């Protein structure tokens, strides 16, 4: 190879090197832009994730609160059903009912009056008046 050919080859290699450097710089710029874009997307997704986690925690807390309320209502229902059963049986059997005992000897005095009215028609009893006072 002659000196001219060598110079031509060196010049061509320098041009190729500059071209590769420019390509590398362009690719690095694109890489930086892509990294910035995806970093912004990750921040946005993290904000969404944090928001959803907060909503989930709030929903969980509300569900726990509702479960506690439901449990309290079920306890009240059981107590009321037991109390109704306590009063229902004596009333059904026609017995006097002392509600003070049933309510644990409460100091307040109340009464329930049960009245049955009956009519007498042509010597036959078709209705009878009966009043019971049940003291609480």
Protein backbone atom coordinates (compact mmCIF):
# COMPACT_ATOMS: atom_id res chain seq x y z
CA UNK A 1 0.00 0.00 0.00
CA UNK A 2 1.10 3.38 -0.81
CA UNK A 3 1.16 6.35 1.43
CA UNK A 4 -1.80 7.89 -0.36
CA UNK A 5 -3.84 4.77 0.09
CA UNK A 6 -2.89 4.66 3.76
CA UNK A 7 -3.91 8.28 4.24
CA UNK A 8 -7.16 7.57 2.48
CA UNK A 9 -7.78 4.56 4.74
CA UNK A 10 -6.93 6.59 7.87
CA UNK A 11 -9.26 9.37 6.75
CA UNK A 12 -12.02 6.87 6.06
CA UNK A 13 -11.50 5.28 9.48
CA UNK A 14 -11.62 8.70 11.17
CA UNK A 15 -14.90 9.45 9.39
CA UNK A 16 -16.25 6.07 10.47
CA UNK A 17 -15.06 6.74 14.04
CA UNK A 18 -16.74 10.17 14.10
CA UNK A 19 -19.90 8.63 12.67
CA UNK A 20 -19.85 5.94 15.36
CA UNK A 21 -19.28 8.54 18.08
CA UNK A 22 -22.21 10.60 16.79
CA UNK A 23 -24.37 7.48 16.65
CA UNK A 24 -23.32 6.60 20.19
CA UNK A 25 -24.16 10.12 21.44
CA UNK A 26 -27.55 9.99 19.68
CA UNK A 27 -28.32 6.59 21.18
CA UNK A 28 -27.27 7.81 24.63
CA UNK A 29 -29.62 10.81 24.25
CA UNK A 30 -32.47 8.51 23.22
CA UNK A 31 -31.66 6.21 26.14
CA UNK A 32 -31.77 9.20 28.53
CA UNK A 33 -35.13 10.31 27.14
CA UNK A 34 -36.53 6.78 27.44
CA UNK A 35 -35.23 6.48 31.02
CA UNK A 36 -36.80 9.84 31.91
CA UNK A 37 -40.08 8.85 30.27
CA UNK A 38 -40.23 5.52 32.09
CA UNK A 39 -39.18 7.13 35.39
CA UNK A 40 -42.12 9.54 35.06
CA UNK A 41 -44.44 6.62 34.25
CA UNK A 42 -43.14 4.71 37.28
CA UNK A 43 -43.79 7.73 39.52
CA UNK A 44 -47.32 7.99 38.15
CA UNK A 45 -47.91 4.26 38.65
CA UNK A 46 -46.51 4.47 42.20
CA UNK A 47 -48.93 7.34 42.97
CA UNK A 48 -51.81 5.25 41.59
CA UNK A 49 -50.63 2.26 43.61
CA UNK A 50 -50.43 4.32 46.80
CA UNK A 51 -53.92 5.69 46.14
CA UNK A 52 -55.31 2.18 45.57
CA UNK A 53 -53.59 0.89 48.70
CA UNK A 54 -55.15 3.74 50.70
CA UNK A 55 -58.58 2.94 49.22
CA UNK A 56 -58.08 -0.73 50.04
CA UNK A 57 -57.11 0.10 53.63
CA UNK A 58 -60.17 2.36 53.96
CA UNK A 59 -62.43 -0.31 52.47
CA UNK A 60 -60.95 -2.89 54.83
CA UNK A 61 -61.51 -0.61 57.82
CA UNK A 62 -65.11 0.06 56.73
CA UNK A 63 -65.68 -3.67 56.30
CA UNK A 64 -64.31 -4.33 59.78
CA UNK A 65 -66.54 -1.59 61.20
CA UNK A 66 -69.58 -3.02 59.43
CA UNK A 67 -68.73 -6.50 60.69
CA UNK A 68 -68.57 -5.14 64.25
CA UNK A 69 -71.89 -3.35 63.79
CA UNK A 70 -73.43 -6.51 62.34
CA UNK A 71 -72.13 -8.55 65.28
CA UNK A 72 -73.58 -6.02 67.73
CA UNK A 73 -76.93 -6.10 65.94
CA UNK A 74 -76.94 -9.89 65.94
CA UNK A 75 -76.25 -9.88 69.70
CA UNK A 76 -79.12 -7.45 70.22
CA UNK A 77 -81.37 -9.63 68.07
CA UNK A 78 -80.54 -12.73 70.11
CA UNK A 79 -81.22 -10.85 73.36
CA UNK A 80 -84.50 -9.47 72.04
CA UNK A 81 -85.61 -12.90 70.81
CA UNK A 82 -84.83 -14.34 74.24
CA UNK A 83 -86.74 -11.52 75.93
CA UNK A 84 -89.71 -12.01 73.58
CA UNK A 85 -89.70 -15.71 74.34
CA UNK A 86 -89.64 -14.90 78.07
CA UNK A 87 -92.77 -12.76 77.73
CA UNK A 88 -94.53 -14.78 75.04
CA UNK A 89 -94.83 -18.06 76.92
CA UNK A 90 -96.60 -16.67 80.06
CA UNK A 91 -98.89 -14.51 77.94
CA UNK A 92 -99.74 -17.47 75.72
CA UNK A 93 -100.51 -19.63 78.76
CA UNK A 94 -102.62 -16.88 80.36
CA UNK A 95 -100.34 -16.61 83.37
CA UNK A 96 -99.58 -13.42 85.28
CA UNK A 97 -96.24 -12.05 84.26
CA UNK A 98 -93.96 -10.19 86.59
CA UNK A 99 -91.79 -8.23 84.18
CA UNK A 100 -89.70 -6.87 87.04
CA UNK A 101 -88.34 -10.38 87.59
CA UNK A 102 -87.96 -10.92 83.84
CA UNK A 103 -86.07 -7.66 83.47
CA UNK A 104 -83.84 -8.32 86.44
CA UNK A 105 -85.96 -6.53 89.09
CA UNK A 106 -85.81 -3.13 87.46
CA UNK A 107 -86.91 -0.30 89.77
CA UNK A 108 -89.24 1.24 87.23
CA UNK A 109 -92.88 0.15 87.52
CA UNK A 110 -94.95 -0.24 84.41
CA UNK A 111 -97.98 -2.30 83.55
CA UNK A 112 -99.45 -4.03 80.54
CA UNK A 113 -103.21 -4.38 80.36
CA UNK A 114 -104.70 -7.19 78.32
CA UNK A 115 -108.44 -6.88 77.71
CA UNK A 116 -110.83 -9.34 76.10
CA UNK A 117 -114.40 -8.22 75.44
CA UNK A 118 -117.19 -10.78 74.99
CA UNK A 119 -120.92 -10.39 74.24
CA UNK A 120 -123.87 -12.30 75.63
CA UNK A 121 -126.56 -12.87 73.01
CA UNK A 122 -129.84 -14.73 73.74
CA UNK A 123 -128.55 -16.48 76.80
CA UNK A 124 -125.33 -17.68 75.16
CA UNK A 125 -121.90 -16.26 75.84
CA UNK A 126 -120.34 -15.15 72.61
CA UNK A 127 -117.86 -12.71 74.15
CA UNK A 128 -116.50 -12.23 77.67
CA UNK A 129 -114.84 -9.15 79.19
CA UNK A 130 -111.59 -10.07 80.86
CA UNK A 131 -108.84 -7.72 81.98
CA UNK A 132 -105.43 -8.71 83.30
CA UNK A 133 -102.90 -6.21 84.61
CA UNK A 134 -99.38 -7.33 84.36
CA UNK A 135 -96.95 -5.32 86.48
CA UNK A 136 -93.44 -4.70 85.40
